[in-house]
Amino acid sequence: MQSMDPEPAMLAARVAGAVAGALVSLAYMMPKGAREAAARAIAGIVSGLVFGAPAGVALAQWMGVAELLSPSETLLTGSAAASMTAWWVLGALARIADRTGRGPRS
């Protein structure tokens, strides 16, 4: 029976991409408070870990560079993209909730 344990290098690429995506997003779209920052960071990192591989493959194929990238580069890129997407979507939803009066009470 085959082992389902991930390779350490691939796991490191996923984690690095997910954290990098969250950090880059932090520079562009600052959260309003610590609670929002924590929620968005956790969601971004988890999204990068879970959706990094399919996002990386889809991006590489869409951009026409799939044959030029190594598997770890594809995984790193996909994890960062998935993390950034989650960060931005949650940020946009928080702003919309604030404008409609459904956001956290200050």
C-alpha atoms as a PDB file:
ATOM      1  CA  MET A   1       0.000   0.000   0.000  1.00  0.00           C
ATOM      2  CA  GLN A   2       1.298   3.459  -0.913  1.00  0.00           C
ATOM      3  CA  SER A   3       2.003   6.046   1.735  1.00  0.00           C
ATOM      4  CA  MET A   4      -0.060   9.251   1.693  1.00  0.00           C
ATOM      5  CA  ASP A   5       2.594  11.283   3.528  1.00  0.00           C
ATOM      6  CA  PRO A   6       3.572  14.429   1.613  1.00  0.00           C
ATOM      7  CA  GLU A   7       7.174  14.988   0.655  1.00  0.00           C
ATOM      8  CA  PRO A   8       8.852  17.479   2.998  1.00  0.00           C
ATOM      9  CA  ALA A   9      10.003  19.689   0.110  1.00  0.00           C
ATOM     10  CA  MET A  10       6.497  19.899  -1.331  1.00  0.00           C
ATOM     11  CA  LEU A  11       4.985  20.609   2.076  1.00  0.00           C
ATOM     12  CA  ALA A  12       7.567  23.355   2.588  1.00  0.00           C
ATOM     13  CA  ALA A  13       6.668  24.863  -0.805  1.00  0.00           C
ATOM     14  CA  ARG A  14       2.969  24.862   0.139  1.00  0.00           C
ATOM     15  CA  VAL A  15       3.579  26.505   3.496  1.00  0.00           C
ATOM     16  CA  ALA A  16       6.000  29.062   2.061  1.00  0.00           C
ATOM     17  CA  GLY A  17       3.602  29.984  -0.735  1.00  0.00           C
ATOM     18  CA  ALA A  18       0.601  30.268   1.577  1.00  0.00           C
ATOM     19  CA  VAL A  19       2.459  32.463   4.070  1.00  0.00           C
ATOM     20  CA  ALA A  20       3.990  34.590   1.303  1.00  0.00           C
ATOM     21  CA  GLY A  21       0.568  35.145  -0.248  1.00  0.00           C
ATOM     22  CA  ALA A  22      -0.858  36.276   3.085  1.00  0.00           C
ATOM     23  CA  LEU A  23       2.085  38.611   3.745  1.00  0.00           C
ATOM     24  CA  VAL A  24       1.953  40.206   0.297  1.00  0.00           C
ATOM     25  CA  SER A  25      -1.787  40.710   0.689  1.00  0.00           C
ATOM     26  CA  LEU A  26      -1.229  42.347   4.074  1.00  0.00           C
ATOM     27  CA  ALA A  27       0.848  45.032   2.378  1.00  0.00           C
ATOM     28  CA  TYR A  28      -1.917  45.853  -0.106  1.00  0.00           C
ATOM     29  CA  MET A  29      -5.116  45.474   1.920  1.00  0.00           C
ATOM     30  CA  MET A  30      -4.659  46.162   5.612  1.00  0.00           C
ATOM     31  CA  PRO A  31      -7.191  44.658   8.012  1.00  0.00           C
ATOM     32  CA  LYS A  32      -9.094  46.980  10.328  1.00  0.00           C
ATOM     33  CA  GLY A  33      -8.282  45.076  13.499  1.00  0.00           C
ATOM     34  CA  ALA A  34      -6.468  42.158  15.018  1.00  0.00           C
ATOM     35  CA  ARG A  35      -9.511  39.884  14.805  1.00  0.00           C
ATOM     36  CA  GLU A  36      -9.968  40.524  11.083  1.00  0.00           C
ATOM     37  CA  ALA A  37      -6.234  40.097  10.497  1.00  0.00           C
ATOM     38  CA  ALA A  38      -6.182  36.753  12.301  1.00  0.00           C
ATOM     39  CA  ALA A  39      -9.259  35.458  10.479  1.00  0.00           C
ATOM     40  CA  ARG A  40      -7.954  36.494   7.084  1.00  0.00           C
ATOM     41  CA  ALA A  41      -4.462  35.126   7.765  1.00  0.00           C
ATOM     42  CA  ILE A  42      -5.785  31.751   8.889  1.00  0.00           C
ATOM     43  CA  ALA A  43      -8.171  31.526   5.937  1.00  0.00           C
ATOM     44  CA  GLY A  44      -5.413  32.549   3.525  1.00  0.00           C
ATOM     45  CA  ILE A  45      -2.908  30.036   4.822  1.00  0.00           C
ATOM     46  CA  VAL A  46      -5.423  27.189   4.927  1.00  0.00           C
ATOM     47  CA  SER A  47      -6.623  28.039   1.410  1.00  0.00           C
ATOM     48  CA  GLY A  48      -3.044  28.076   0.166  1.00  0.00           C
ATOM     49  CA  LEU A  49      -2.351  24.690   1.719  1.00  0.00           C
ATOM     50  CA  VAL A  50      -5.548  23.088   0.426  1.00  0.00           C
ATOM     51  CA  PHE A  51      -5.921  24.677  -3.009  1.00  0.00           C
ATOM     52  CA  GLY A  52      -2.255  25.372  -3.839  1.00  0.00           C
ATOM     53  CA  ALA A  53      -1.686  22.412  -6.144  1.00  0.00           C
ATOM     54  CA  PRO A  54      -4.775  22.773  -8.362  1.00  0.00           C
ATOM     55  CA  ALA A  55      -4.414  26.554  -8.470  1.00  0.00           C
ATOM     56  CA  GLY A  56      -0.756  26.273  -9.465  1.00  0.00           C
ATOM     57  CA  VAL A  57      -1.456  23.787 -12.221  1.00  0.00           C
ATOM     58  CA  ALA A  58      -4.371  25.857 -13.551  1.00  0.00           C
ATOM     59  CA  LEU A  59      -2.320  29.076 -13.516  1.00  0.00           C
ATOM     60  CA  ALA A  60       0.685  27.453 -15.185  1.00  0.00           C
ATOM     61  CA  GLN A  61      -1.472  25.972 -17.943  1.00  0.00           C
ATOM     62  CA  TRP A  62      -3.430  29.196 -18.429  1.00  0.00           C
ATOM     63  CA  MET A  63      -0.210  31.199 -18.720  1.00  0.00           C
ATOM     64  CA  GLY A  64       1.407  28.587 -20.998  1.00  0.00           C
ATOM     65  CA  VAL A  65       4.413  27.989 -18.746  1.00  0.00           C
ATOM     66  CA  ALA A  66       3.535  24.563 -17.331  1.00  0.00           C
ATOM     67  CA  GLU A  67       6.468  22.839 -19.039  1.00  0.00           C
ATOM     68  CA  LEU A  68       8.924  25.511 -17.841  1.00  0.00           C
ATOM     69  CA  LEU A  69       8.132  25.240 -14.112  1.00  0.00           C
ATOM     70  CA  SER A  70       9.217  22.550 -11.689  1.00  0.00           C
ATOM     71  CA  PRO A  71       6.563  20.911  -9.499  1.00  0.00           C
ATOM     72  CA  SER A  72       7.744  22.866  -6.451  1.00  0.00           C
ATOM     73  CA  GLU A  73       7.556  26.175  -8.349  1.00  0.00           C
ATOM     74  CA  THR A  74       4.063  25.336  -9.537  1.00  0.00           C
ATOM     75  CA  LEU A  75       3.016  24.452  -5.991  1.00  0.00           C
ATOM     76  CA  LEU A  76       4.605  27.580  -4.502  1.00  0.00           C
ATOM     77  CA  THR A  77       2.905  29.816  -7.056  1.00  0.00           C
ATOM     78  CA  GLY A  78      -0.476  28.157  -6.630  1.00  0.00           C
ATOM     79  CA  SER A  79      -0.329  28.328  -2.840  1.00  0.00           C
ATOM     80  CA  ALA A  80       0.532  32.019  -2.926  1.00  0.00           C
ATOM     81  CA  ALA A  81      -2.249  32.745  -5.422  1.00  0.00           C
ATOM     82  CA  ALA A  82      -4.847  30.807  -3.420  1.00  0.00           C
ATOM     83  CA  SER A  83      -3.772  32.519  -0.209  1.00  0.00           C
ATOM     84  CA  MET A  84      -3.924  35.975  -1.771  1.00  0.00           C
ATOM     85  CA  THR A  85      -7.332  35.261  -3.270  1.00  0.00           C
ATOM     86  CA  ALA A  86      -8.770  34.160   0.070  1.00  0.00           C
ATOM     87  CA  TRP A  87      -7.293  37.223   1.809  1.00  0.00           C
ATOM     88  CA  TRP A  88      -8.756  39.622  -0.742  1.00  0.00           C
ATOM     89  CA  VAL A  89     -12.182  37.954  -0.868  1.00  0.00           C
ATOM     90  CA  LEU A  90     -12.513  38.012   2.916  1.00  0.00           C
ATOM     91  CA  GLY A  91     -11.379  41.628   2.978  1.00  0.00           C
ATOM     92  CA  ALA A  92     -13.923  42.612   0.350  1.00  0.00           C
ATOM     93  CA  LEU A  93     -16.686  40.750   2.191  1.00  0.00           C
ATOM     94  CA  ALA A  94     -15.746  42.511   5.444  1.00  0.00           C
ATOM     95  CA  ARG A  95     -15.942  45.906   3.707  1.00  0.00           C
ATOM     96  CA  ILE A  96     -19.316  45.041   2.176  1.00  0.00           C
ATOM     97  CA  ALA A  97     -20.619  43.872   5.556  1.00  0.00           C
ATOM     98  CA  ASP A  98     -19.481  47.148   7.136  1.00  0.00           C
ATOM     99  CA  ARG A  99     -21.271  49.200   4.488  1.00  0.00           C
ATOM    100  CA  THR A 100     -24.516  47.269   4.798  1.00  0.00           C
ATOM    101  CA  GLY A 101     -24.482  47.431   8.578  1.00  0.00           C
ATOM    102  CA  ARG A 102     -23.834  43.729   9.103  1.00  0.00           C
ATOM    103  CA  GLY A 103     -20.203  44.008  10.154  1.00  0.00           C
ATOM    104  CA  PRO A 104     -18.828  43.809  13.692  1.00  0.00           C
ATOM    105  CA  ARG A 105     -20.097  46.442  16.074  1.00  0.00           C
ATOM    106  CA  SER A 106     -17.437  48.953  17.134  1.00  0.00           C
END
